[in-house]
mmCIF file of all heavy atoms, coordinates in Angstrom:
data_MODEL
# 
_entry.id   MODEL 
# 
loop_
_atom_site.group_PDB 
_atom_site.id 
_atom_site.type_symbol 
_atom_site.label_atom_id 
_atom_site.label_alt_id 
_atom_site.label_comp_id 
_atom_site.label_asym_id 
_atom_site.label_entity_id 
_atom_site.label_seq_id 
_atom_site.pdbx_PDB_ins_code 
_atom_site.Cartn_x 
_atom_site.Cartn_y 
_atom_site.Cartn_z 
_atom_site.occupancy 
_atom_site.B_iso_or_equiv 
_atom_site.pdbx_formal_charge 
_atom_site.auth_seq_id 
_atom_site.auth_comp_id 
_atom_site.auth_asym_id 
_atom_site.auth_atom_id 
_atom_site.pdbx_PDB_model_num 
ATOM 1   N N   . ASP A 1 1  ? 0.792  -1.232  0.000  1.00 0.00 ? 1  ASP A N   1 
ATOM 2   C CA  . ASP A 1 1  ? 0.000  0.000   0.000  1.00 0.00 ? 1  ASP A CA  1 
ATOM 3   C C   . ASP A 1 1  ? 0.822  1.280   0.000  1.00 0.00 ? 1  ASP A C   1 
ATOM 4   O O   . ASP A 1 1  ? 0.300  2.351   -0.291 1.00 0.00 ? 1  ASP A O   1 
ATOM 5   C CB  . ASP A 1 1  ? -0.945 0.020   1.213  1.00 0.00 ? 1  ASP A CB  1 
ATOM 6   C CG  . ASP A 1 1  ? -2.027 -1.040  1.093  1.00 0.00 ? 1  ASP A CG  1 
ATOM 7   O OD1 . ASP A 1 1  ? -2.283 -1.474  -0.054 1.00 0.00 ? 1  ASP A OD1 1 
ATOM 8   O OD2 . ASP A 1 1  ? -2.597 -1.432  2.121  1.00 0.00 ? 1  ASP A OD2 1 
ATOM 9   N N   . GLY A 1 2  ? 2.077  1.214   0.382  1.00 0.00 ? 2  GLY A N   1 
ATOM 10  C CA  . GLY A 1 2  ? 2.855  2.445   0.442  1.00 0.00 ? 2  GLY A CA  1 
ATOM 11  C C   . GLY A 1 2  ? 4.337  2.186   0.424  1.00 0.00 ? 2  GLY A C   1 
ATOM 12  O O   . GLY A 1 2  ? 4.800  1.049   0.501  1.00 0.00 ? 2  GLY A O   1 
ATOM 13  N N   . GLY A 1 3  ? 5.106  3.284   0.289  1.00 0.00 ? 3  GLY A N   1 
ATOM 14  C CA  . GLY A 1 3  ? 6.553  3.170   0.306  1.00 0.00 ? 3  GLY A CA  1 
ATOM 15  C C   . GLY A 1 3  ? 7.131  2.959   -1.080 1.00 0.00 ? 3  GLY A C   1 
ATOM 16  O O   . GLY A 1 3  ? 6.415  2.663   -2.052 1.00 0.00 ? 3  GLY A O   1 
ATOM 17  N N   . ASP A 1 4  ? 8.443  3.097   -1.183 1.00 0.00 ? 4  ASP A N   1 
ATOM 18  C CA  . ASP A 1 4  ? 9.105  2.883   -2.474 1.00 0.00 ? 4  ASP A CA  1 
ATOM 19  C C   . ASP A 1 4  ? 9.371  1.394   -2.679 1.00 0.00 ? 4  ASP A C   1 
ATOM 20  O O   . ASP A 1 4  ? 8.959  0.553   -1.878 1.00 0.00 ? 4  ASP A O   1 
ATOM 21  C CB  . ASP A 1 4  ? 10.409 3.688   -2.530 1.00 0.00 ? 4  ASP A CB  1 
ATOM 22  C CG  . ASP A 1 4  ? 11.355 3.361   -1.374 1.00 0.00 ? 4  ASP A CG  1 
ATOM 23  O OD1 . ASP A 1 4  ? 11.193 2.282   -0.759 1.00 0.00 ? 4  ASP A OD1 1 
ATOM 24  O OD2 . ASP A 1 4  ? 12.241 4.179   -1.092 1.00 0.00 ? 4  ASP A OD2 1 
ATOM 25  N N   . ARG A 1 5  ? 10.086 1.079   -3.762 1.00 0.00 ? 5  ARG A N   1 
ATOM 26  C CA  . ARG A 1 5  ? 10.305 -0.323  -4.082 1.00 0.00 ? 5  ARG A CA  1 
ATOM 27  C C   . ARG A 1 5  ? 11.087 -1.050  -2.996 1.00 0.00 ? 5  ARG A C   1 
ATOM 28  O O   . ARG A 1 5  ? 10.785 -2.200  -2.660 1.00 0.00 ? 5  ARG A O   1 
ATOM 29  C CB  . ARG A 1 5  ? 11.058 -0.446  -5.416 1.00 0.00 ? 5  ARG A CB  1 
ATOM 30  C CG  . ARG A 1 5  ? 11.244 -1.907  -5.830 1.00 0.00 ? 5  ARG A CG  1 
ATOM 31  C CD  . ARG A 1 5  ? 12.218 -2.060  -6.978 1.00 0.00 ? 5  ARG A CD  1 
ATOM 32  N NE  . ARG A 1 5  ? 12.411 -3.471  -7.272 1.00 0.00 ? 5  ARG A NE  1 
ATOM 33  C CZ  . ARG A 1 5  ? 13.170 -4.292  -6.554 1.00 0.00 ? 5  ARG A CZ  1 
ATOM 34  N NH1 . ARG A 1 5  ? 13.796 -3.840  -5.476 1.00 0.00 ? 5  ARG A NH1 1 
ATOM 35  N NH2 . ARG A 1 5  ? 13.287 -5.573  -6.884 1.00 0.00 ? 5  ARG A NH2 1 
ATOM 36  N N   . ALA A 1 6  ? 12.108 -0.366  -2.421 1.00 0.00 ? 6  ALA A N   1 
ATOM 37  C CA  . ALA A 1 6  ? 12.920 -1.010  -1.386 1.00 0.00 ? 6  ALA A CA  1 
ATOM 38  C C   . ALA A 1 6  ? 12.066 -1.364  -0.173 1.00 0.00 ? 6  ALA A C   1 
ATOM 39  O O   . ALA A 1 6  ? 12.179 -2.458  0.381  1.00 0.00 ? 6  ALA A O   1 
ATOM 40  C CB  . ALA A 1 6  ? 14.071 -0.095  -0.975 1.00 0.00 ? 6  ALA A CB  1 
ATOM 41  N N   . GLU A 1 7  ? 11.197 -0.447  0.232  1.00 0.00 ? 7  GLU A N   1 
ATOM 42  C CA  . GLU A 1 7  ? 10.327 -0.718  1.381  1.00 0.00 ? 7  GLU A CA  1 
ATOM 43  C C   . GLU A 1 7  ? 9.331  -1.818  1.059  1.00 0.00 ? 7  GLU A C   1 
ATOM 44  O O   . GLU A 1 7  ? 8.996  -2.645  1.912  1.00 0.00 ? 7  GLU A O   1 
ATOM 45  C CB  . GLU A 1 7  ? 9.593  0.559   1.783  1.00 0.00 ? 7  GLU A CB  1 
ATOM 46  C CG  . GLU A 1 7  ? 10.517 1.625   2.374  1.00 0.00 ? 7  GLU A CG  1 
ATOM 47  C CD  . GLU A 1 7  ? 9.786  2.918   2.662  1.00 0.00 ? 7  GLU A CD  1 
ATOM 48  O OE1 . GLU A 1 7  ? 8.669  3.096   2.123  1.00 0.00 ? 7  GLU A OE1 1 
ATOM 49  O OE2 . GLU A 1 7  ? 10.332 3.749   3.398  1.00 0.00 ? 7  GLU A OE2 1 
ATOM 50  N N   . ARG A 1 8  ? 8.866  -1.829  -0.175 1.00 0.00 ? 8  ARG A N   1 
ATOM 51  C CA  . ARG A 1 8  ? 7.931  -2.886  -0.600 1.00 0.00 ? 8  ARG A CA  1 
ATOM 52  C C   . ARG A 1 8  ? 8.623  -4.249  -0.555 1.00 0.00 ? 8  ARG A C   1 
ATOM 53  O O   . ARG A 1 8  ? 8.064  -5.232  -0.071 1.00 0.00 ? 8  ARG A O   1 
ATOM 54  C CB  . ARG A 1 8  ? 7.456  -2.551  -2.011 1.00 0.00 ? 8  ARG A CB  1 
ATOM 55  C CG  . ARG A 1 8  ? 6.571  -3.599  -2.671 1.00 0.00 ? 8  ARG A CG  1 
ATOM 56  C CD  . ARG A 1 8  ? 5.985  -2.990  -3.927 1.00 0.00 ? 8  ARG A CD  1 
ATOM 57  N NE  . ARG A 1 8  ? 5.487  -3.990  -4.856 1.00 0.00 ? 8  ARG A NE  1 
ATOM 58  C CZ  . ARG A 1 8  ? 4.495  -3.785  -5.700 1.00 0.00 ? 8  ARG A CZ  1 
ATOM 59  N NH1 . ARG A 1 8  ? 3.906  -2.616  -5.719 1.00 0.00 ? 8  ARG A NH1 1 
ATOM 60  N NH2 . ARG A 1 8  ? 4.115  -4.726  -6.523 1.00 0.00 ? 8  ARG A NH2 1 
ATOM 61  N N   . SER A 1 9  ? 9.855  -4.307  -1.057 1.00 0.00 ? 9  SER A N   1 
ATOM 62  C CA  . SER A 1 9  ? 10.611 -5.564  -1.035 1.00 0.00 ? 9  SER A CA  1 
ATOM 63  C C   . SER A 1 9  ? 10.822 -6.046  0.395  1.00 0.00 ? 9  SER A C   1 
ATOM 64  O O   . SER A 1 9  ? 10.637 -7.234  0.702  1.00 0.00 ? 9  SER A O   1 
ATOM 65  C CB  . SER A 1 9  ? 11.970 -5.372  -1.717 1.00 0.00 ? 9  SER A CB  1 
ATOM 66  O OG  . SER A 1 9  ? 11.811 -5.093  -3.083 1.00 0.00 ? 9  SER A OG  1 
ATOM 67  N N   . LEU A 1 10 ? 11.228 -5.116  1.265  1.00 0.00 ? 10 LEU A N   1 
ATOM 68  C CA  . LEU A 1 10 ? 11.472 -5.466  2.657  1.00 0.00 ? 10 LEU A CA  1 
ATOM 69  C C   . LEU A 1 10 ? 10.204 -5.970  3.323  1.00 0.00 ? 10 LEU A C   1 
ATOM 70  O O   . LEU A 1 10 ? 10.204 -6.994  4.010  1.00 0.00 ? 10 LEU A O   1 
ATOM 71  C CB  . LEU A 1 10 ? 11.997 -4.235  3.408  1.00 0.00 ? 10 LEU A CB  1 
ATOM 72  C CG  . LEU A 1 10 ? 12.088 -4.346  4.933  1.00 0.00 ? 10 LEU A CG  1 
ATOM 73  C CD1 . LEU A 1 10 ? 13.023 -5.477  5.333  1.00 0.00 ? 10 LEU A CD1 1 
ATOM 74  C CD2 . LEU A 1 10 ? 12.555 -3.035  5.544  1.00 0.00 ? 10 LEU A CD2 1 
ATOM 75  N N   . GLY A 1 11 ? 9.104  -5.250  3.120  1.00 0.00 ? 11 GLY A N   1 
ATOM 76  C CA  . GLY A 1 11 ? 7.847  -5.638  3.764  1.00 0.00 ? 11 GLY A CA  1 
ATOM 77  C C   . GLY A 1 11 ? 7.350  -7.003  3.319  1.00 0.00 ? 11 GLY A C   1 
ATOM 78  O O   . GLY A 1 11 ? 6.909  -7.816  4.133  1.00 0.00 ? 11 GLY A O   1 
ATOM 79  N N   . LEU A 1 12 ? 7.409  -7.254  2.015  1.00 0.00 ? 12 LEU A N   1 
ATOM 80  C CA  . LEU A 1 12 ? 6.947  -8.552  1.503  1.00 0.00 ? 12 LEU A CA  1 
ATOM 81  C C   . LEU A 1 12 ? 7.813  -9.693  2.024  1.00 0.00 ? 12 LEU A C   1 
ATOM 82  O O   . LEU A 1 12 ? 7.300  -10.726 2.465  1.00 0.00 ? 12 LEU A O   1 
ATOM 83  C CB  . LEU A 1 12 ? 6.959  -8.544  -0.028 1.00 0.00 ? 12 LEU A CB  1 
ATOM 84  C CG  . LEU A 1 12 ? 5.839  -7.779  -0.726 1.00 0.00 ? 12 LEU A CG  1 
ATOM 85  C CD1 . LEU A 1 12 ? 6.081  -7.725  -2.224 1.00 0.00 ? 12 LEU A CD1 1 
ATOM 86  C CD2 . LEU A 1 12 ? 4.485  -8.425  -0.438 1.00 0.00 ? 12 LEU A CD2 1 
ATOM 87  N N   . ALA A 1 13 ? 9.134  -9.495  1.965  1.00 0.00 ? 13 ALA A N   1 
ATOM 88  C CA  . ALA A 1 13 ? 10.035 -10.560 2.424  1.00 0.00 ? 13 ALA A CA  1 
ATOM 89  C C   . ALA A 1 13 ? 9.875  -10.803 3.913  1.00 0.00 ? 13 ALA A C   1 
ATOM 90  O O   . ALA A 1 13 ? 9.823  -11.951 4.369  1.00 0.00 ? 13 ALA A O   1 
ATOM 91  C CB  . ALA A 1 13 ? 11.479 -10.196 2.097  1.00 0.00 ? 13 ALA A CB  1 
ATOM 92  N N   . ALA A 1 14 ? 9.798  -9.724  4.700  1.00 0.00 ? 14 ALA A N   1 
ATOM 93  C CA  . ALA A 1 14 ? 9.695  -9.868  6.155  1.00 0.00 ? 14 ALA A CA  1 
ATOM 94  C C   . ALA A 1 14 ? 8.408  -10.578 6.548  1.00 0.00 ? 14 ALA A C   1 
ATOM 95  O O   . ALA A 1 14 ? 8.373  -11.331 7.524  1.00 0.00 ? 14 ALA A O   1 
ATOM 96  C CB  . ALA A 1 14 ? 9.756  -8.493  6.818  1.00 0.00 ? 14 ALA A CB  1 
ATOM 97  N N   . ALA A 1 15 ? 7.323  -10.367 5.794  1.00 0.00 ? 15 ALA A N   1 
ATOM 98  C CA  . ALA A 1 15 ? 6.040  -10.979 6.131  1.00 0.00 ? 15 ALA A CA  1 
ATOM 99  C C   . ALA A 1 15 ? 5.922  -12.409 5.614  1.00 0.00 ? 15 ALA A C   1 
ATOM 100 O O   . ALA A 1 15 ? 5.412  -13.293 6.320  1.00 0.00 ? 15 ALA A O   1 
ATOM 101 C CB  . ALA A 1 15 ? 4.899  -10.121 5.574  1.00 0.00 ? 15 ALA A CB  1 
ATOM 102 N N   . LEU A 1 16 ? 6.394  -12.655 4.394  1.00 0.00 ? 16 LEU A N   1 
ATOM 103 C CA  . LEU A 1 16 ? 6.069  -13.917 3.734  1.00 0.00 ? 16 LEU A CA  1 
ATOM 104 C C   . LEU A 1 16 ? 7.153  -14.992 3.816  1.00 0.00 ? 16 LEU A C   1 
ATOM 105 O O   . LEU A 1 16 ? 6.837  -16.183 3.766  1.00 0.00 ? 16 LEU A O   1 
ATOM 106 C CB  . LEU A 1 16 ? 5.725  -13.653 2.259  1.00 0.00 ? 16 LEU A CB  1 
ATOM 107 C CG  . LEU A 1 16 ? 4.485  -12.770 2.052  1.00 0.00 ? 16 LEU A CG  1 
ATOM 108 C CD1 . LEU A 1 16 ? 4.223  -12.561 0.565  1.00 0.00 ? 16 LEU A CD1 1 
ATOM 109 C CD2 . LEU A 1 16 ? 3.253  -13.378 2.724  1.00 0.00 ? 16 LEU A CD2 1 
ATOM 110 N N   . LEU A 1 17 ? 8.424  -14.602 3.951  1.00 0.00 ? 17 LEU A N   1 
ATOM 111 C CA  . LEU A 1 17 ? 9.451  -15.654 4.067  1.00 0.00 ? 17 LEU A CA  1 
ATOM 112 C C   . LEU A 1 17 ? 9.295  -16.461 5.361  1.00 0.00 ? 17 LEU A C   1 
ATOM 113 O O   . LEU A 1 17 ? 9.430  -17.688 5.336  1.00 0.00 ? 17 LEU A O   1 
ATOM 114 C CB  . LEU A 1 17 ? 10.848 -15.058 3.955  1.00 0.00 ? 17 LEU A CB  1 
ATOM 115 C CG  . LEU A 1 17 ? 11.199 -14.484 2.575  1.00 0.00 ? 17 LEU A CG  1 
ATOM 116 C CD1 . LEU A 1 17 ? 12.665 -14.085 2.510  1.00 0.00 ? 17 LEU A CD1 1 
ATOM 117 C CD2 . LEU A 1 17 ? 10.855 -15.451 1.449  1.00 0.00 ? 17 LEU A CD2 1 
ATOM 118 N N   . PRO A 1 18 ? 8.997  -15.830 6.506  1.00 0.00 ? 18 PRO A N   1 
ATOM 119 C CA  . PRO A 1 18 ? 8.717  -16.651 7.698  1.00 0.00 ? 18 PRO A CA  1 
ATOM 120 C C   . PRO A 1 18 ? 7.492  -17.554 7.513  1.00 0.00 ? 18 PRO A C   1 
ATOM 121 O O   . PRO A 1 18 ? 7.466  -18.677 8.025  1.00 0.00 ? 18 PRO A O   1 
ATOM 122 C CB  . PRO A 1 18 ? 8.468  -15.601 8.794  1.00 0.00 ? 18 PRO A CB  1 
ATOM 123 C CG  . PRO A 1 18 ? 9.233  -14.399 8.336  1.00 0.00 ? 18 PRO A CG  1 
ATOM 124 C CD  . PRO A 1 18 ? 9.062  -14.388 6.848  1.00 0.00 ? 18 PRO A CD  1 
ATOM 125 N N   . LEU A 1 19 ? 6.492  -17.066 6.778  1.00 0.00 ? 19 LEU A N   1 
ATOM 126 C CA  . LEU A 1 19 ? 5.324  -17.905 6.496  1.00 0.00 ? 19 LEU A CA  1 
ATOM 127 C C   . LEU A 1 19 ? 5.736  -19.113 5.660  1.00 0.00 ? 19 LEU A C   1 
ATOM 128 O O   . LEU A 1 19 ? 5.274  -20.239 5.898  1.00 0.00 ? 19 LEU A O   1 
ATOM 129 C CB  . LEU A 1 19 ? 4.269  -17.076 5.757  1.00 0.00 ? 19 LEU A CB  1 
ATOM 130 C CG  . LEU A 1 19 ? 2.978  -17.794 5.349  1.00 0.00 ? 19 LEU A CG  1 
ATOM 131 C CD1 . LEU A 1 19 ? 2.235  -18.322 6.573  1.00 0.00 ? 19 LEU A CD1 1 
ATOM 132 C CD2 . LEU A 1 19 ? 2.074  -16.857 4.551  1.00 0.00 ? 19 LEU A CD2 1 
ATOM 133 N N   . ALA A 1 20 ? 6.635  -18.902 4.716  1.00 0.00 ? 20 ALA A N   1 
ATOM 134 C CA  . ALA A 1 20 ? 7.124  -20.011 3.902  1.00 0.00 ? 20 ALA A CA  1 
ATOM 135 C C   . ALA A 1 20 ? 7.896  -21.020 4.751  1.00 0.00 ? 20 ALA A C   1 
ATOM 136 O O   . ALA A 1 20 ? 7.793  -22.232 4.544  1.00 0.00 ? 20 ALA A O   1 
ATOM 137 C CB  . ALA A 1 20 ? 8.017  -19.477 2.779  1.00 0.00 ? 20 ALA A CB  1 
ATOM 138 N N   . VAL A 1 21 ? 8.678  -20.516 5.720  1.00 0.00 ? 21 VAL A N   1 
ATOM 139 C CA  . VAL A 1 21 ? 9.421  -21.415 6.608  1.00 0.00 ? 21 VAL A CA  1 
ATOM 140 C C   . VAL A 1 21 ? 8.455  -22.311 7.382  1.00 0.00 ? 21 VAL A C   1 
ATOM 141 O O   . VAL A 1 21 ? 8.628  -23.534 7.461  1.00 0.00 ? 21 VAL A O   1 
ATOM 142 C CB  . VAL A 1 21 ? 10.297 -20.605 7.593  1.00 0.00 ? 21 VAL A CB  1 
ATOM 143 C CG1 . VAL A 1 21 ? 10.894 -21.522 8.654  1.00 0.00 ? 21 VAL A CG1 1 
ATOM 144 C CG2 . VAL A 1 21 ? 11.413 -19.892 6.846  1.00 0.00 ? 21 VAL A CG2 1 
ATOM 145 N N   . ASP A 1 22 ? 7.434  -21.698 7.993  1.00 0.00 ? 22 ASP A N   1 
ATOM 146 C CA  . ASP A 1 22 ? 6.472  -22.482 8.771  1.00 0.00 ? 22 ASP A CA  1 
ATOM 147 C C   . ASP A 1 22 ? 5.758  -23.509 7.896  1.00 0.00 ? 22 ASP A C   1 
ATOM 148 O O   . ASP A 1 22 ? 5.535  -24.649 8.312  1.00 0.00 ? 22 ASP A O   1 
ATOM 149 C CB  . ASP A 1 22 ? 5.448  -21.557 9.431  1.00 0.00 ? 22 ASP A CB  1 
ATOM 150 C CG  . ASP A 1 22 ? 6.056  -20.737 10.546 1.00 0.00 ? 22 ASP A CG  1 
ATOM 151 O OD1 . ASP A 1 22 ? 7.153  -21.092 11.015 1.00 0.00 ? 22 ASP A OD1 1 
ATOM 152 O OD2 . ASP A 1 22 ? 5.431  -19.741 10.966 1.00 0.00 ? 22 ASP A OD2 1 
ATOM 153 N N   . ALA A 1 23 ? 5.376  -23.094 6.686  1.00 0.00 ? 23 ALA A N   1 
ATOM 154 C CA  . ALA A 1 23 ? 4.691  -24.017 5.783  1.00 0.00 ? 23 ALA A CA  1 
ATOM 155 C C   . ALA A 1 23 ? 5.600  -25.181 5.403  1.00 0.00 ? 23 ALA A C   1 
ATOM 156 O O   . ALA A 1 23 ? 5.155  -26.332 5.314  1.00 0.00 ? 23 ALA A O   1 
ATOM 157 C CB  . ALA A 1 23 ? 4.219  -23.272 4.533  1.00 0.00 ? 23 ALA A CB  1 
ATOM 158 N N   . ALA A 1 24 ? 6.891  -24.890 5.201  1.00 0.00 ? 24 ALA A N   1 
ATOM 159 C CA  . ALA A 1 24 ? 7.845  -25.949 4.863  1.00 0.00 ? 24 ALA A CA  1 
ATOM 160 C C   . ALA A 1 24 ? 7.970  -26.950 6.005  1.00 0.00 ? 24 ALA A C   1 
ATOM 161 O O   . ALA A 1 24 ? 8.016  -28.161 5.787  1.00 0.00 ? 24 ALA A O   1 
ATOM 162 C CB  . ALA A 1 24 ? 9.208  -25.337 4.541  1.00 0.00 ? 24 ALA A CB  1 
# 
């Protein structure tokens, strides 16, 4: 919803990579 590309990358990775770990 906001921020530049770097902030978007950080936010997506910080939220979804741990979710991927748990799913694995």
